[in-house]
Protein backbone atom coordinates (compact mmCIF):
# COMPACT_ATOMS: atom_id res chain seq x y z
CA UNK A 1 41.61 73.76 228.23
CA UNK A 2 39.41 70.66 229.14
CA UNK A 3 37.11 69.19 226.45
CA UNK A 4 33.62 69.31 227.65
CA UNK A 5 31.96 66.03 227.00
CA UNK A 6 28.25 65.99 225.76
CA UNK A 7 25.65 64.03 227.85
CA UNK A 8 24.92 62.21 224.80
CA UNK A 9 28.65 60.76 224.43
CA UNK A 10 28.86 60.01 227.93
CA UNK A 11 25.89 57.85 227.87
CA UNK A 12 27.04 56.43 224.64
CA UNK A 13 30.54 55.27 226.20
CA UNK A 14 28.65 53.82 229.44
CA UNK A 15 26.58 51.85 227.10
CA UNK A 16 29.52 50.79 225.01
CA UNK A 17 31.43 49.67 228.65
CA UNK A 18 28.38 47.85 229.29
CA UNK A 19 28.41 45.82 226.58
CA UNK A 20 32.27 45.46 226.13
CA UNK A 21 34.99 44.99 229.09
CA UNK A 22 37.92 47.39 227.83
CA UNK A 23 39.01 47.80 231.36
CA UNK A 24 42.14 45.31 230.87
CA UNK A 25 43.48 47.34 227.92
CA UNK A 26 46.37 49.51 228.12
CA UNK A 27 45.27 53.38 228.53
CA UNK A 28 45.90 54.62 225.16
CA UNK A 29 44.86 51.23 223.44
CA UNK A 30 41.93 51.35 225.45
CA UNK A 31 41.12 55.13 224.28
CA UNK A 32 41.59 54.34 220.74
CA UNK A 33 39.68 51.02 220.61
CA UNK A 34 36.64 52.65 222.50
CA UNK A 35 36.68 55.92 220.28
CA UNK A 36 36.72 53.89 217.06
CA UNK A 37 33.98 51.85 218.24
CA UNK A 38 31.82 54.66 219.53
CA UNK A 39 32.29 56.30 216.17
CA UNK A 40 31.05 53.21 214.16
CA UNK A 41 28.93 51.76 216.88
CA UNK A 42 30.77 48.49 215.65
CA UNK A 43 31.99 46.08 218.62
CA UNK A 44 33.90 44.11 216.46
CA UNK A 45 36.58 46.65 216.25
CA UNK A 46 37.70 45.30 219.84
CA UNK A 47 39.22 42.10 218.07
CA UNK A 48 39.83 43.68 214.59
CA UNK A 49 42.27 46.81 215.57
CA UNK A 50 46.08 46.16 215.71
CA UNK A 51 48.24 48.54 217.62
CA UNK A 52 50.97 48.66 220.34
CA UNK A 53 50.59 50.72 223.03
CA UNK A 54 54.19 51.83 223.20
CA UNK A 55 53.69 53.32 219.63
CA UNK A 56 50.92 55.23 220.88
CA UNK A 57 52.80 56.45 223.71
CA UNK A 58 55.45 57.87 221.47
CA UNK A 59 52.60 59.08 218.92
CA UNK A 60 50.86 60.97 221.75
CA UNK A 61 54.00 62.85 222.68
CA UNK A 62 54.67 63.79 219.52
CA UNK A 63 51.03 64.81 218.65
CA UNK A 64 50.86 66.98 221.88
CA UNK A 65 54.56 68.33 221.06
CA UNK A 66 53.10 69.88 217.92
CA UNK A 67 54.12 67.10 214.96
CA UNK A 68 52.05 67.66 212.09
CA UNK A 69 48.75 65.52 211.30
CA UNK A 70 48.34 64.77 207.60
CA UNK A 71 45.01 63.07 206.08
CA UNK A 72 44.42 61.53 202.85
CA UNK A 73 40.89 63.05 202.19
CA UNK A 74 39.11 66.30 203.50
CA UNK A 75 36.78 63.61 205.21
CA UNK A 76 39.02 62.44 207.60
CA UNK A 77 40.42 66.28 208.30
CA UNK A 78 37.02 67.29 208.98
CA UNK A 79 36.18 64.42 211.72
CA UNK A 80 39.63 65.70 213.46
CA UNK A 81 38.64 68.28 216.04
CA UNK A 82 40.93 70.44 218.02
CA UNK A 83 43.85 70.63 215.59
CA UNK A 84 44.92 71.51 212.04
CA UNK A 85 45.57 69.09 209.55
CA UNK A 86 47.27 69.03 206.19
CA UNK A 87 45.65 67.39 203.31
CA UNK A 88 46.79 68.10 199.79
CA UNK A 89 43.98 66.15 197.79
CA UNK A 90 42.77 69.56 196.31
CA UNK A 91 46.32 69.90 194.60
CA UNK A 92 46.79 66.30 193.47
CA UNK A 93 46.41 64.94 190.05
CA UNK A 94 46.42 61.40 188.78
CA UNK A 95 48.50 60.05 186.16
CA UNK A 96 49.94 56.67 184.69
CA UNK A 97 50.46 54.70 187.41
CA UNK A 98 49.57 57.08 190.13
CA UNK A 99 46.36 57.85 191.59
CA UNK A 100 45.09 61.26 192.78
CA UNK A 101 45.21 59.87 196.43
CA UNK A 102 49.06 58.80 196.11
CA UNK A 103 49.83 61.89 194.55
CA UNK A 104 48.50 63.76 197.46
CA UNK A 105 50.57 61.63 199.79
CA UNK A 106 53.81 62.74 197.89
CA UNK A 107 52.91 66.43 198.19
CA UNK A 108 51.88 66.29 201.64
CA UNK A 109 55.43 64.62 202.39
CA UNK A 110 57.23 67.32 200.48
CA UNK A 111 55.27 69.64 202.76
CA UNK A 112 55.80 68.34 206.14
CA UNK A 113 58.60 65.93 205.86
CA UNK A 114 59.56 63.12 208.42
CA UNK A 115 57.72 62.74 211.85
CA UNK A 116 54.44 63.62 210.94
CA UNK A 117 51.13 61.57 212.23
CA UNK A 118 49.34 60.22 209.03
CA UNK A 119 45.74 59.47 209.29
CA UNK A 120 44.64 57.55 206.06
CA UNK A 121 40.84 56.44 206.20
CA UNK A 122 39.75 56.43 202.55
CA UNK A 123 42.48 55.33 200.02
CA UNK A 124 44.43 52.47 200.15
CA UNK A 125 46.44 53.63 197.39
CA UNK A 126 47.28 56.50 199.89
CA UNK A 127 48.63 54.26 202.29
CA UNK A 128 50.58 51.98 199.64
CA UNK A 129 52.24 55.18 198.32
CA UNK A 130 53.19 56.58 201.87
CA UNK A 131 54.91 53.03 202.45
CA UNK A 132 57.28 53.52 199.68
CA UNK A 133 58.47 57.28 201.21
CA UNK A 134 61.03 57.61 203.88
CA UNK A 135 58.56 59.36 206.06
CA UNK A 136 59.50 58.42 209.43
CA UNK A 137 56.35 58.92 210.78
CA UNK A 138 55.29 59.21 214.34
CA UNK A 139 52.26 57.23 213.60
CA UNK A 140 50.08 55.65 210.61
CA UNK A 141 46.50 55.45 211.29
CA UNK A 142 45.95 53.46 208.46
CA UNK A 143 42.33 52.26 208.28
CA UNK A 144 41.39 52.72 204.72
CA UNK A 145 38.25 50.99 203.67
CA UNK A 146 36.86 48.90 200.60
CA UNK A 147 36.98 45.68 198.95
CA UNK A 148 39.55 46.40 196.83
CA UNK A 149 43.24 46.80 198.56
CA UNK A 150 42.14 47.80 201.77
CA UNK A 151 43.03 44.79 203.83
CA UNK A 152 46.26 44.31 201.84
CA UNK A 153 47.39 47.97 202.13
CA UNK A 154 46.75 47.70 205.86
CA UNK A 155 48.78 44.17 205.96
CA UNK A 156 51.36 46.02 204.10
CA UNK A 157 51.70 48.58 206.64
CA UNK A 158 51.57 46.08 209.64
CA UNK A 159 54.64 44.13 207.86
CA UNK A 160 56.33 47.45 207.38
CA UNK A 161 57.26 47.78 211.29
CA UNK A 162 56.14 51.51 210.89
CA UNK A 163 54.38 52.41 214.39
CA UNK A 164 50.77 52.23 213.39
CA UNK A 165 47.09 51.63 214.04
CA UNK A 166 45.32 49.49 211.52
CA UNK A 167 42.83 46.52 211.39
CA UNK A 168 42.57 43.07 209.81
CA UNK A 169 39.44 43.67 207.84
CA UNK A 170 38.19 45.41 204.82
CA UNK A 171 36.03 47.93 207.17
CA UNK A 172 37.44 51.12 207.98
CA UNK A 173 36.70 54.83 206.78
CA UNK A 174 37.20 58.29 207.46
CA UNK A 175 35.21 58.31 210.63
CA UNK A 176 37.11 55.73 212.14
CA UNK A 177 40.62 56.91 211.37
CA UNK A 178 39.56 60.43 212.67
CA UNK A 179 38.15 58.70 215.81
CA UNK A 180 41.53 56.93 216.38
CA UNK A 181 43.29 60.40 216.13
CA UNK A 182 40.90 62.08 218.28
CA UNK A 183 41.53 59.38 220.80
CA UNK A 184 45.00 60.67 221.14
CA UNK A 185 44.20 64.26 220.94
CA UNK A 186 41.77 63.89 223.91
CA UNK A 187 43.60 61.62 226.28
CA UNK A 188 45.42 63.83 229.05
CA UNK A 189 48.90 64.43 228.52
CA UNK A 190 49.66 63.00 231.91
CA UNK A 191 48.38 59.62 230.58
CA UNK A 192 45.79 59.31 233.43
CA UNK A 193 42.77 57.34 232.04
CA UNK A 194 40.31 59.59 229.96
CA UNK A 195 36.79 60.29 231.80
CA UNK A 196 34.00 60.32 229.41
């Protein structure tokens, strides 16, 4: 079933493309960059985001083949459309040396096992915890936001060699993390360029 794109969204993407030339980007990279920028109205994401097309291609295949999608918080889950997600934050507890978000990641990994797509848009400690697990993710969308630990956790993600979408700066958040996943959801399975 094709997604119906509202005229306001079409106009938003038209204006985005009038201000930023994304035509030279690979198809899935372009889809992620544009949808993240669209979600935040922030053109700086064009140079702040870090990803590799081959990682996105494998993640796209996994996602459309039914791989689980795990989020760090309900706000990220709420932004992901057309797909069920796993978020265990409500079941998690903090303890010595362990934040509630980190515990939620452990619980989610116990539930879904390897091969999931992880979408982290709030808690740097969730991303840090994921990096300690043998999660073998299909993709980690690591876009936590904040002045404490966000940039560092994303740098650690990039250094890990895991397939990932991240950004260099401290900005991020639930909306942009969900947008990155939605870009992969909305992109046609034939990898033809998405029409807005």
